Amino acid sequence: RAFNYYSIVWLRQAPGKEREGISCITDDGTKTYYRNAVKGRFTISRDL
């Protein structure tokens, strides 16, 4: 069960650029957030 106590964030790092967070989801999967760069194109989900 430990994994499901944590929010999970997806980050990415392109060559020559800083690492950026792009999407995240809460431990229970009820809340999500997207950065503008990926909003409308990426979908985060969680299978507990």
ModelCIF file with pLDDT and N, C-alpha, C, O atoms, coordinates in Angstrom:
data_MODEL
#
_entry.id   MODEL 
#
_entity.id                         1 
_entity.type                       polymer 
_entity.pdbx_number_of_molecules   1 
#
_entity_poly.entity_id                      1 
_entity_poly.type                           'polypeptide(L)' 
_entity_poly.nstd_linkage                   no 
_entity_poly.nstd_monomer                   no 
_entity_poly.pdbx_seq_one_letter_code       RAFNYYSIVWLRQAPGKEREGISCITDDGTKTYYRNAVKGRFTISRDL 
_entity_poly.pdbx_seq_one_letter_code_can   RAFNYYSIVWLRQAPGKEREGISCITDDGTKTYYRNAVKGRFTISRDL 
_entity_poly.pdbx_strand_id                 A 
#
loop_
_entity_poly_seq.entity_id 
_entity_poly_seq.num 
_entity_poly_seq.mon_id 
_entity_poly_seq.hetero 
1 1  ARG n 
1 2  ALA n 
1 3  PHE n 
1 4  ASN n 
1 5  TYR n 
1 6  TYR n 
1 7  SER n 
1 8  ILE n 
1 9  VAL n 
1 10 TRP n 
1 11 LEU n 
1 12 ARG n 
1 13 GLN n 
1 14 ALA n 
1 15 PRO n 
1 16 GLY n 
1 17 LYS n 
1 18 GLU n 
1 19 ARG n 
1 20 GLU n 
1 21 GLY n 
1 22 ILE n 
1 23 SER n 
1 24 CYS n 
1 25 ILE n 
1 26 THR n 
1 27 ASP n 
1 28 ASP n 
1 29 GLY n 
1 30 THR n 
1 31 LYS n 
1 32 THR n 
1 33 TYR n 
1 34 TYR n 
1 35 ARG n 
1 36 ASN n 
1 37 ALA n 
1 38 VAL n 
1 39 LYS n 
1 40 GLY n 
1 41 ARG n 
1 42 PHE n 
1 43 THR n 
1 44 ILE n 
1 45 SER n 
1 46 ARG n 
1 47 ASP n 
1 48 LEU n 
#
_struct_asym.id          A 
_struct_asym.entity_id   1 
#
loop_
_ma_qa_metric.id 
_ma_qa_metric.mode 
_ma_qa_metric.name 
_ma_qa_metric.software_group_id 
_ma_qa_metric.type 
1 global pLDDT . pLDDT 
2 local  pLDDT . pLDDT 
#
_ma_qa_metric_global.metric_id      1 
_ma_qa_metric_global.metric_value   96.02 
_ma_qa_metric_global.model_id       1 
_ma_qa_metric_global.ordinal_id     1 
#
loop_
_ma_qa_metric_local.label_asym_id 
_ma_qa_metric_local.label_comp_id 
_ma_qa_metric_local.label_seq_id 
_ma_qa_metric_local.metric_id 
_ma_qa_metric_local.metric_value 
_ma_qa_metric_local.model_id 
_ma_qa_metric_local.ordinal_id 
A ARG 1  2 76.00 1 1  
A ALA 2  2 88.00 1 2  
A PHE 3  2 90.00 1 3  
A ASN 4  2 91.00 1 4  
A TYR 5  2 94.00 1 5  
A TYR 6  2 96.00 1 6  
A SER 7  2 97.00 1 7  
A ILE 8  2 98.00 1 8  
A VAL 9  2 98.00 1 9  
A TRP 10 2 98.00 1 10 
A LEU 11 2 98.00 1 11 
A ARG 12 2 98.00 1 12 
A GLN 13 2 98.00 1 13 
A ALA 14 2 97.00 1 14 
A PRO 15 2 93.00 1 15 
A GLY 16 2 95.00 1 16 
A LYS 17 2 96.00 1 17 
A GLU 18 2 96.00 1 18 
A ARG 19 2 97.00 1 19 
A GLU 20 2 97.00 1 20 
A GLY 21 2 98.00 1 21 
A ILE 22 2 98.00 1 22 
A SER 23 2 98.00 1 23 
A CYS 24 2 98.00 1 24 
A ILE 25 2 98.00 1 25 
A THR 26 2 97.00 1 26 
A ASP 27 2 96.00 1 27 
A ASP 28 2 94.00 1 28 
A GLY 29 2 95.00 1 29 
A THR 30 2 96.00 1 30 
A LYS 31 2 98.00 1 31 
A THR 32 2 98.00 1 32 
A TYR 33 2 98.00 1 33 
A TYR 34 2 98.00 1 34 
A ARG 35 2 97.00 1 35 
A ASN 36 2 97.00 1 36 
A ALA 37 2 96.00 1 37 
A VAL 38 2 98.00 1 38 
A LYS 39 2 98.00 1 39 
A GLY 40 2 98.00 1 40 
A ARG 41 2 98.00 1 41 
A PHE 42 2 98.00 1 42 
A THR 43 2 98.00 1 43 
A ILE 44 2 98.00 1 44 
A SER 45 2 98.00 1 45 
A ARG 46 2 97.00 1 46 
A ASP 47 2 95.00 1 47 
A LEU 48 2 92.00 1 48 
#
loop_
_atom_site.group_PDB 
_atom_site.id 
_atom_site.type_symbol 
_atom_site.label_atom_id 
_atom_site.label_alt_id 
_atom_site.label_comp_id 
_atom_site.label_asym_id 
_atom_site.label_entity_id 
_atom_site.label_seq_id 
_atom_site.pdbx_PDB_ins_code 
_atom_site.Cartn_x 
_atom_site.Cartn_y 
_atom_site.Cartn_z 
_atom_site.occupancy 
_atom_site.B_iso_or_equiv 
_atom_site.pdbx_formal_charge 
_atom_site.auth_seq_id 
_atom_site.auth_comp_id 
_atom_site.auth_asym_id 
_atom_site.auth_atom_id 
_atom_site.pdbx_PDB_model_num 
ATOM 1   N N  . ARG A 1 1  ? 0.797  -1.212 0.000   1.00 76.00 ? 1  ARG A N  1 
ATOM 2   C CA . ARG A 1 1  ? 0.000  0.000  0.000   1.00 76.00 ? 1  ARG A CA 1 
ATOM 3   C C  . ARG A 1 1  ? 0.834  1.269  0.000   1.00 76.00 ? 1  ARG A C  1 
ATOM 4   O O  . ARG A 1 1  ? 0.290  2.353  -0.212  1.00 76.00 ? 1  ARG A O  1 
ATOM 5   N N  . ALA A 1 2  ? 2.127  1.172  0.229   1.00 88.00 ? 2  ALA A N  1 
ATOM 6   C CA . ALA A 1 2  ? 2.939  2.371  0.397   1.00 88.00 ? 2  ALA A CA 1 
ATOM 7   C C  . ALA A 1 2  ? 2.849  3.311  -0.798  1.00 88.00 ? 2  ALA A C  1 
ATOM 8   O O  . ALA A 1 2  ? 2.755  4.528  -0.633  1.00 88.00 ? 2  ALA A O  1 
ATOM 9   N N  . PHE A 1 3  ? 2.877  2.751  -1.987  1.00 90.00 ? 3  PHE A N  1 
ATOM 10  C CA . PHE A 1 3  ? 2.849  3.580  -3.212  1.00 90.00 ? 3  PHE A CA 1 
ATOM 11  C C  . PHE A 1 3  ? 1.616  4.466  -3.225  1.00 90.00 ? 3  PHE A C  1 
ATOM 12  O O  . PHE A 1 3  ? 1.673  5.610  -3.675  1.00 90.00 ? 3  PHE A O  1 
ATOM 13  N N  . ASN A 1 4  ? 0.515  3.944  -2.739  1.00 91.00 ? 4  ASN A N  1 
ATOM 14  C CA . ASN A 1 4  ? -0.745 4.680  -2.809  1.00 91.00 ? 4  ASN A CA 1 
ATOM 15  C C  . ASN A 1 4  ? -0.902 5.708  -1.698  1.00 91.00 ? 4  ASN A C  1 
ATOM 16  O O  . ASN A 1 4  ? -1.986 6.262  -1.519  1.00 91.00 ? 4  ASN A O  1 
ATOM 17  N N  . TYR A 1 5  ? 0.152  5.968  -0.960  1.00 94.00 ? 5  TYR A N  1 
ATOM 18  C CA . TYR A 1 5  ? 0.145  7.059  0.006   1.00 94.00 ? 5  TYR A CA 1 
ATOM 19  C C  . TYR A 1 5  ? 0.781  8.326  -0.552  1.00 94.00 ? 5  TYR A C  1 
ATOM 20  O O  . TYR A 1 5  ? 0.855  9.352  0.125   1.00 94.00 ? 5  TYR A O  1 
ATOM 21  N N  . TYR A 1 6  ? 1.240  8.237  -1.799  1.00 96.00 ? 6  TYR A N  1 
ATOM 22  C CA . TYR A 1 6  ? 2.017  9.336  -2.373  1.00 96.00 ? 6  TYR A CA 1 
ATOM 23  C C  . TYR A 1 6  ? 1.335  9.956  -3.583  1.00 96.00 ? 6  TYR A C  1 
ATOM 24  O O  . TYR A 1 6  ? 0.741  9.264  -4.410  1.00 96.00 ? 6  TYR A O  1 
ATOM 25  N N  . SER A 1 7  ? 1.435  11.277 -3.663  1.00 97.00 ? 7  SER A N  1 
ATOM 26  C CA . SER A 1 7  ? 1.162  11.937 -4.933  1.00 97.00 ? 7  SER A CA 1 
ATOM 27  C C  . SER A 1 7  ? 2.286  11.555 -5.903  1.00 97.00 ? 7  SER A C  1 
ATOM 28  O O  . SER A 1 7  ? 3.434  11.360 -5.503  1.00 97.00 ? 7  SER A O  1 
ATOM 29  N N  . ILE A 1 8  ? 1.932  11.455 -7.169  1.00 98.00 ? 8  ILE A N  1 
ATOM 30  C CA . ILE A 1 8  ? 2.924  11.161 -8.197  1.00 98.00 ? 8  ILE A CA 1 
ATOM 31  C C  . ILE A 1 8  ? 2.966  12.313 -9.187  1.00 98.00 ? 8  ILE A C  1 
ATOM 32  O O  . ILE A 1 8  ? 1.936  12.813 -9.640  1.00 98.00 ? 8  ILE A O  1 
ATOM 33  N N  . VAL A 1 9  ? 4.164  12.710 -9.503  1.00 98.00 ? 9  VAL A N  1 
ATOM 34  C CA . VAL A 1 9  ? 4.398  13.804 -10.445 1.00 98.00 ? 9  VAL A CA 1 
ATOM 35  C C  . VAL A 1 9  ? 5.171  13.265 -11.641 1.00 98.00 ? 9  VAL A C  1 
ATOM 36  O O  . VAL A 1 9  ? 6.125  12.502 -11.485 1.00 98.00 ? 9  VAL A O  1 
ATOM 37  N N  . TRP A 1 10 ? 4.761  13.661 -12.811 1.00 98.00 ? 10 TRP A N  1 
ATOM 38  C CA . TRP A 1 10 ? 5.547  13.411 -14.023 1.00 98.00 ? 10 TRP A CA 1 
ATOM 39  C C  . TRP A 1 10 ? 6.339  14.668 -14.343 1.00 98.00 ? 10 TRP A C  1 
ATOM 40  O O  . TRP A 1 10 ? 5.775  15.759 -14.429 1.00 98.00 ? 10 TRP A O  1 
ATOM 41  N N  . LEU A 1 11 ? 7.624  14.518 -14.516 1.00 98.00 ? 11 LEU A N  1 
ATOM 42  C CA . LEU A 1 11 ? 8.511  15.597 -14.905 1.00 98.00 ? 11 LEU A CA 1 
ATOM 43  C C  . LEU A 1 11 ? 9.242  15.165 -16.167 1.00 98.00 ? 11 LEU A C  1 
ATOM 44  O O  . LEU A 1 11 ? 9.302  13.982 -16.501 1.00 98.00 ? 11 LEU A O  1 
ATOM 45  N N  . ARG A 1 12 ? 9.791  16.144 -16.851 1.00 98.00 ? 12 ARG A N  1 
ATOM 46  C CA . ARG A 1 12 ? 10.599 15.825 -18.021 1.00 98.00 ? 12 ARG A CA 1 
ATOM 47  C C  . ARG A 1 12 ? 11.771 16.775 -18.121 1.00 98.00 ? 12 ARG A C  1 
ATOM 48  O O  . ARG A 1 12 ? 11.737 17.893 -17.607 1.00 98.00 ? 12 ARG A O  1 
ATOM 49  N N  . GLN A 1 13 ? 12.797 16.312 -18.785 1.00 98.00 ? 13 GLN A N  1 
ATOM 50  C CA . GLN A 1 13 ? 13.962 17.144 -19.007 1.00 98.00 ? 13 GLN A CA 1 
ATOM 51  C C  . GLN A 1 13 ? 14.412 16.973 -20.445 1.00 98.00 ? 13 GLN A C  1 
ATOM 52  O O  . GLN A 1 13 ? 14.848 15.900 -20.860 1.00 98.00 ? 13 GLN A O  1 
ATOM 53  N N  . ALA A 1 14 ? 14.294 18.057 -21.192 1.00 97.00 ? 14 ALA A N  1 
ATOM 54  C CA . ALA A 1 14 ? 14.730 18.069 -22.579 1.00 97.00 ? 14 ALA A CA 1 
ATOM 55  C C  . ALA A 1 14 ? 16.211 18.447 -22.630 1.00 97.00 ? 14 ALA A C  1 
ATOM 56  O O  . ALA A 1 14 ? 16.719 19.069 -21.697 1.00 97.00 ? 14 ALA A O  1 
ATOM 57  N N  . PRO A 1 15 ? 16.898 18.085 -23.693 1.00 93.00 ? 15 PRO A N  1 
ATOM 58  C CA . PRO A 1 15 ? 18.318 18.416 -23.803 1.00 93.00 ? 15 PRO A CA 1 
ATOM 59  C C  . PRO A 1 15 ? 18.562 19.906 -23.651 1.00 93.00 ? 15 PRO A C  1 
ATOM 60  O O  . PRO A 1 15 ? 17.934 20.717 -24.333 1.00 93.00 ? 15 PRO A O  1 
ATOM 61  N N  . GLY A 1 16 ? 19.470 20.266 -22.761 1.00 95.00 ? 16 GLY A N  1 
ATOM 62  C CA . GLY A 1 16 ? 19.826 21.660 -22.569 1.00 95.00 ? 16 GLY A CA 1 
ATOM 63  C C  . GLY A 1 16 ? 18.817 22.482 -21.796 1.00 95.00 ? 16 GLY A C  1 
ATOM 64  O O  . GLY A 1 16 ? 18.954 23.701 -21.697 1.00 95.00 ? 16 GLY A O  1 
ATOM 65  N N  . LYS A 1 17 ? 17.804 21.828 -21.245 1.00 96.00 ? 17 LYS A N  1 
ATOM 66  C CA . LYS A 1 17 ? 16.769 22.567 -20.517 1.00 96.00 ? 17 LYS A CA 1 
ATOM 67  C C  . LYS A 1 17 ? 16.660 22.071 -19.085 1.00 96.00 ? 17 LYS A C  1 
ATOM 68  O O  . LYS A 1 17 ? 17.136 20.988 -18.744 1.00 96.00 ? 17 LYS A O  1 
ATOM 69  N N  . GLU A 1 18 ? 16.026 22.885 -18.258 1.00 96.00 ? 18 GLU A N  1 
ATOM 70  C CA . GLU A 1 18 ? 15.785 22.493 -16.881 1.00 96.00 ? 18 GLU A CA 1 
ATOM 71  C C  . GLU A 1 18 ? 14.671 21.447 -16.820 1.00 96.00 ? 18 GLU A C  1 
ATOM 72  O O  . GLU A 1 18 ? 13.805 21.379 -17.692 1.00 96.00 ? 18 GLU A O  1 
ATOM 73  N N  . ARG A 1 19 ? 14.722 20.647 -15.776 1.00 97.00 ? 19 ARG A N  1 
ATOM 74  C CA . ARG A 1 19 ? 13.657 19.690 -15.550 1.00 97.00 ? 19 ARG A CA 1 
ATOM 75  C C  . ARG A 1 19 ? 12.378 20.440 -15.191 1.00 97.00 ? 19 ARG A C  1 
ATOM 76  O O  . ARG A 1 19 ? 12.417 21.395 -14.416 1.00 97.00 ? 19 ARG A O  1 
ATOM 77  N N  . GLU A 1 20 ? 11.242 20.015 -15.751 1.00 97.00 ? 20 GLU A N  1 
ATOM 78  C CA . GLU A 1 20 ? 9.970  20.677 -15.482 1.00 97.00 ? 20 GLU A CA 1 
ATOM 79  C C  . GLU A 1 20 ? 8.898  19.658 -15.118 1.00 97.00 ? 20 GLU A C  1 
ATOM 80  O O  . GLU A 1 20 ? 8.800  18.592 -15.725 1.00 97.00 ? 20 GLU A O  1 
ATOM 81  N N  . GLY A 1 21 ? 8.111  20.002 -14.132 1.00 98.00 ? 21 GLY A N  1 
ATOM 82  C CA . GLY A 1 21 ? 6.951  19.188 -13.800 1.00 98.00 ? 21 GLY A CA 1 
ATOM 83  C C  . GLY A 1 21 ? 5.858  19.459 -14.808 1.00 98.00 ? 21 GLY A C  1 
ATOM 84  O O  . GLY A 1 21 ? 5.627  20.611 -15.174 1.00 98.00 ? 21 GLY A O  1 
ATOM 85  N N  . ILE A 1 22 ? 5.176  18.410 -15.268 1.00 98.00 ? 22 ILE A N  1 
ATOM 86  C CA . ILE A 1 22 ? 4.166  18.613 -16.299 1.00 98.00 ? 22 ILE A CA 1 
ATOM 87  C C  . ILE A 1 22 ? 2.779  18.154 -15.883 1.00 98.00 ? 22 ILE A C  1 
ATOM 88  O O  . ILE A 1 22 ? 1.780  18.685 -16.367 1.00 98.00 ? 22 ILE A O  1 
ATOM 89  N N  . SER A 1 23 ? 2.709  17.183 -14.998 1.00 98.00 ? 23 SER A N  1 
ATOM 90  C CA . SER A 1 23 ? 1.410  16.699 -14.582 1.00 98.00 ? 23 SER A CA 1 
ATOM 91  C C  . SER A 1 23 ? 1.563  15.949 -13.268 1.00 98.00 ? 23 SER A C  1 
ATOM 92  O O  . SER A 1 23 ? 2.621  15.387 -12.983 1.00 98.00 ? 23 SER A O  1 
ATOM 93  N N  . CYS A 1 24 ? 0.496  15.945 -12.467 1.00 98.00 ? 24 CYS A N  1 
ATOM 94  C CA . CYS A 1 24 ? 0.568  15.230 -11.196 1.00 98.00 ? 24 CYS A CA 1 
ATOM 95  C C  . CYS A 1 24 ? -0.817 14.788 -10.760 1.00 98.00 ? 24 CYS A C  1 
ATOM 96  O O  . CYS A 1 24 ? -1.835 15.271 -11.257 1.00 98.00 ? 24 CYS A O  1 
ATOM 97  N N  . ILE A 1 25 ? -0.825 13.860 -9.822  1.00 98.00 ? 25 ILE A N  1 
ATOM 98  C CA . ILE A 1 25 ? -2.066 13.274 -9.353  1.00 98.00 ? 25 ILE A CA 1 
ATOM 99  C C  . ILE A 1 25 ? -1.910 12.965 -7.872  1.00 98.00 ? 25 ILE A C  1 
ATOM 100 O O  . ILE A 1 25 ? -0.839 12.565 -7.416  1.00 98.00 ? 25 ILE A O  1 
ATOM 101 N N  . THR A 1 26 ? -2.988 13.155 -7.130  1.00 97.00 ? 26 THR A N  1 
ATOM 102 C CA . THR A 1 26 ? -2.939 12.915 -5.691  1.00 97.00 ? 26 THR A CA 1 
ATOM 103 C C  . THR A 1 26 ? -2.913 11.421 -5.367  1.00 97.00 ? 26 THR A C  1 
ATOM 104 O O  . THR A 1 26 ? -3.109 10.571 -6.236  1.00 97.00 ? 26 THR A O  1 
ATOM 105 N N  . ASP A 1 27 ? -2.667 11.133 -4.100  1.00 96.00 ? 27 ASP A N  1 
ATOM 106 C CA . ASP A 1 27 ? -2.530 9.733  -3.684  1.00 96.00 ? 27 ASP A CA 1 
ATOM 107 C C  . ASP A 1 27 ? -3.788 8.918  -3.975  1.00 96.00 ? 27 ASP A C  1 
ATOM 108 O O  . ASP A 1 27 ? -3.701 7.745  -4.339  1.00 96.00 ? 27 ASP A O  1 
ATOM 109 N N  . ASP A 1 28 ? -4.954 9.538  -3.815  1.00 94.00 ? 28 ASP A N  1 
ATOM 110 C CA . ASP A 1 28 ? -6.195 8.803  -4.055  1.00 94.00 ? 28 ASP A CA 1 
ATOM 111 C C  . ASP A 1 28 ? -6.718 8.955  -5.479  1.00 94.00 ? 28 ASP A C  1 
ATOM 112 O O  . ASP A 1 28 ? -7.755 8.391  -5.828  1.00 94.00 ? 28 ASP A O  1 
ATOM 113 N N  . GLY A 1 29 ? -6.007 9.707  -6.286  1.00 95.00 ? 29 GLY A N  1 
ATOM 114 C CA . GLY A 1 29 ? -6.377 9.855  -7.690  1.00 95.00 ? 29 GLY A CA 1 
ATOM 115 C C  . GLY A 1 29 ? -7.519 10.812 -7.958  1.00 95.00 ? 29 GLY A C  1 
ATOM 116 O O  . GLY A 1 29 ? -8.014 10.888 -9.082  1.00 95.00 ? 29 GLY A O  1 
ATOM 117 N N  . THR A 1 30 ? -7.942 11.540 -6.948  1.00 96.00 ? 30 THR A N  1 
ATOM 118 C CA . THR A 1 30 ? -9.121 12.400 -7.134  1.00 96.00 ? 30 THR A CA 1 
ATOM 119 C C  . THR A 1 30 ? -8.789 13.767 -7.703  1.00 96.00 ? 30 THR A C  1 
ATOM 120 O O  . THR A 1 30 ? -9.665 14.435 -8.253  1.00 96.00 ? 30 THR A O  1 
ATOM 121 N N  . LYS A 1 31 ? -7.562 14.187 -7.583  1.00 98.00 ? 31 LYS A N  1 
ATOM 122 C CA . LYS A 1 31 ? -7.173 15.499 -8.109  1.00 98.00 ? 31 LYS A CA 1 
ATOM 123 C C  . LYS A 1 31 ? -5.974 15.367 -9.035  1.00 98.00 ? 31 LYS A C  1 
ATOM 124 O O  . LYS A 1 31 ? -5.039 14.607 -8.780  1.00 98.00 ? 31 LYS A O  1 
ATOM 125 N N  . THR A 1 32 ? -6.032 16.127 -10.112 1.00 98.00 ? 32 THR A N  1 
ATOM 126 C CA . THR A 1 32 ? -4.943 16.145 -11.082 1.00 98.00 ? 32 THR A CA 1 
ATOM 127 C C  . THR A 1 32 ? -4.604 17.584 -11.436 1.00 98.00 ? 32 THR A C  1 
ATOM 128 O O  . THR A 1 32 ? -5.379 18.506 -11.181 1.00 98.00 ? 32 THR A O  1 
ATOM 129 N N  . TYR A 1 33 ? -3.439 17.752 -12.022 1.00 98.00 ? 33 TYR A N  1 
ATOM 130 C CA . TYR A 1 33 ? -3.037 19.086 -12.465 1.00 98.00 ? 33 TYR A CA 1 
ATOM 131 C C  . TYR A 1 33 ? -2.164 18.921 -13.700 1.00 98.00 ? 33 TYR A C  1 
ATOM 132 O O  . TYR A 1 33 ? -1.394 17.968 -13.817 1.00 98.00 ? 33 TYR A O  1 
ATOM 133 N N  . TYR A 1 34 ? -2.303 19.878 -14.624 1.00 98.00 ? 34 TYR A N  1 
ATOM 134 C CA . TYR A 1 34 ? -1.514 19.861 -15.853 1.00 98.00 ? 34 TYR A CA 1 
ATOM 135 C C  . TYR A 1 34 ? -0.905 21.232 -16.084 1.00 98.00 ? 34 TYR A C  1 
ATOM 136 O O  . TYR A 1 34 ? -1.559 22.258 -15.894 1.00 98.00 ? 34 TYR A O  1 
ATOM 137 N N  . ARG A 1 35 ? 0.326  21.236 -16.486 1.00 97.00 ? 35 ARG A N  1 
ATOM 138 C CA . ARG A 1 35 ? 0.931  22.480 -16.928 1.00 97.00 ? 35 ARG A CA 1 
ATOM 139 C C  . ARG A 1 35 ? 0.403  22.836 -18.316 1.00 97.00 ? 35 ARG A C  1 
ATOM 140 O O  . ARG A 1 35 ? -0.052 21.973 -19.067 1.00 97.00 ? 35 ARG A O  1 
ATOM 141 N N  . ASN A 1 36 ? 0.473  24.109 -18.632 1.00 97.00 ? 36 ASN A N  1 
ATOM 142 C CA . ASN A 1 36 ? -0.092 24.572 -19.905 1.00 97.00 ? 36 ASN A CA 1 
ATOM 143 C C  . ASN A 1 36 ? 0.518  23.852 -21.113 1.00 97.00 ? 36 ASN A C  1 
ATOM 144 O O  . ASN A 1 36 ? -0.163 23.618 -22.112 1.00 97.00 ? 36 ASN A O  1 
ATOM 145 N N  . ALA A 1 37 ? 1.794  23.508 -21.014 1.00 96.00 ? 37 ALA A N  1 
ATOM 146 C CA . ALA A 1 37 ? 2.475  22.901 -22.161 1.00 96.00 ? 37 ALA A CA 1 
ATOM 147 C C  . ALA A 1 37 ? 1.846  21.579 -22.591 1.00 96.00 ? 37 ALA A C  1 
ATOM 148 O O  . ALA A 1 37 ? 1.987  21.169 -23.743 1.00 96.00 ? 37 ALA A O  1 
ATOM 149 N N  . VAL A 1 38 ? 1.147  20.904 -21.662 1.00 98.00 ? 38 VAL A N  1 
ATOM 150 C CA . VAL A 1 38 ? 0.603  19.584 -21.988 1.00 98.00 ? 38 VAL A CA 1 
ATOM 151 C C  . VAL A 1 38 ? -0.910 19.521 -21.824 1.00 98.00 ? 38 VAL A C  1 
ATOM 152 O O  . VAL A 1 38 ? -1.529 18.515 -22.170 1.00 98.00 ? 38 VAL A O  1 
ATOM 153 N N  . LYS A 1 39 ? -1.497 20.564 -21.309 1.00 98.00 ? 39 LYS A N  1 
ATOM 154 C CA . LYS A 1 39 ? -2.936 20.564 -21.044 1.00 98.00 ? 39 LYS A CA 1 
ATOM 155 C C  . LYS A 1 39 ? -3.711 20.329 -22.334 1.00 98.00 ? 39 LYS A C  1 
ATOM 156 O O  . LYS A 1 39 ? -3.444 20.948 -23.364 1.00 98.00 ? 39 LYS A O  1 
ATOM 157 N N  . GLY A 1 40 ? -4.667 19.428 -22.253 1.00 98.00 ? 40 GLY A N  1 
ATOM 158 C CA . GLY A 1 40 ? -5.487 19.110 -23.415 1.00 98.00 ? 40 GLY A CA 1 
ATOM 159 C C  . GLY A 1 40 ? -4.901 18.021 -24.294 1.00 98.00 ? 40 GLY A C  1 
ATOM 160 O O  . GLY A 1 40 ? -5.595 17.493 -25.162 1.00 98.00 ? 40 GLY A O  1 
ATOM 161 N N  . ARG A 1 41 ? -3.636 17.672 -24.087 1.00 98.00 ? 41 ARG A N  1 
ATOM 162 C CA . ARG A 1 41 ? -2.995 16.620 -24.890 1.00 98.00 ? 41 ARG A CA 1 
ATOM 163 C C  . ARG A 1 41 ? -2.613 15.404 -24.045 1.00 98.00 ? 41 ARG A C  1 
ATOM 164 O O  . ARG A 1 41 ? -2.648 14.274 -24.532 1.00 98.00 ? 41 ARG A O  1 
ATOM 165 N N  . PHE A 1 42 ? -2.252 15.630 -22.793 1.00 98.00 ? 42 PHE A N  1 
ATOM 166 C CA . PHE A 1 42 ? -1.825 14.552 -21.907 1.00 98.00 ? 42 PHE A CA 1 
ATOM 167 C C  . PHE A 1 42 ? -2.907 14.310 -20.855 1.00 98.00 ? 42 PHE A C  1 
ATOM 168 O O  . PHE A 1 42 ? -3.624 15.224 -20.446 1.00 98.00 ? 42 PHE A O  1 
ATOM 169 N N  . THR A 1 43 ? -2.999 13.051 -20.432 1.00 98.00 ? 43 THR A N  1 
ATOM 170 C CA . THR A 1 43 ? -3.944 12.690 -19.382 1.00 98.00 ? 43 THR A CA 1 
ATOM 171 C C  . THR A 1 43 ? -3.236 11.801 -18.369 1.00 98.00 ? 43 THR A C  1 
ATOM 172 O O  . THR A 1 43 ? -2.632 10.790 -18.725 1.00 98.00 ? 43 THR A O  1 
ATOM 173 N N  . ILE A 1 44 ? -3.321 12.191 -17.109 1.00 98.00 ? 44 ILE A N  1 
ATOM 174 C CA . ILE A 1 44 ? -2.732 11.389 -16.045 1.00 98.00 ? 44 ILE A CA 1 
ATOM 175 C C  . ILE A 1 44 ? -3.845 10.614 -15.350 1.00 98.00 ? 44 ILE A C  1 
ATOM 176 O O  . ILE A 1 44 ? -4.951 11.122 -15.165 1.00 98.00 ? 44 ILE A O  1 
ATOM 177 N N  . SER A 1 45 ? -3.538 9.385  -14.970 1.00 98.00 ? 45 SER A N  1 
ATOM 178 C CA . SER A 1 45 ? -4.523 8.573  -14.270 1.00 98.00 ? 45 SER A CA 1 
ATOM 179 C C  . SER A 1 45 ? -3.791 7.606  -13.343 1.00 98.00 ? 45 SER A C  1 
ATOM 180 O O  . SER A 1 45 ? -2.572 7.442  -13.403 1.00 98.00 ? 45 SER A O  1 
ATOM 181 N N  . ARG A 1 46 ? -4.580 6.981  -12.492 1.00 97.00 ? 46 ARG A N  1 
ATOM 182 C CA . ARG A 1 46 ? -3.972 6.135  -11.480 1.00 97.00 ? 46 ARG A CA 1 
ATOM 183 C C  . ARG A 1 46 ? -4.806 4.877  -11.288 1.00 97.00 ? 46 ARG A C  1 
ATOM 184 O O  . ARG A 1 46 ? -6.030 4.940  -11.173 1.00 97.00 ? 46 ARG A O  1 
ATOM 185 N N  . ASP A 1 47 ? -4.135 3.743  -11.255 1.00 95.00 ? 47 ASP A N  1 
ATOM 186 C CA . ASP A 1 47 ? -4.786 2.472  -10.960 1.00 95.00 ? 47 ASP A CA 1 
ATOM 187 C C  . ASP A 1 47 ? -4.269 2.020  -9.599  1.00 95.00 ? 47 ASP A C  1 
ATOM 188 O O  . ASP A 1 47 ? -3.162 1.492  -9.490  1.00 95.00 ? 47 ASP A O  1 
ATOM 189 N N  . LEU A 1 48 ? -5.075 2.230  -8.569  1.00 92.00 ? 48 LEU A N  1 
ATOM 190 C CA . LEU A 1 48 ? -4.625 1.923  -7.216  1.00 92.00 ? 48 LEU A CA 1 
ATOM 191 C C  . LEU A 1 48 ? -4.370 0.424  -7.037  1.00 92.00 ? 48 LEU A C  1 
ATOM 192 O O  . LEU A 1 48 ? -3.984 -0.011 -5.952  1.00 92.00 ? 48 LEU A O  1 
#
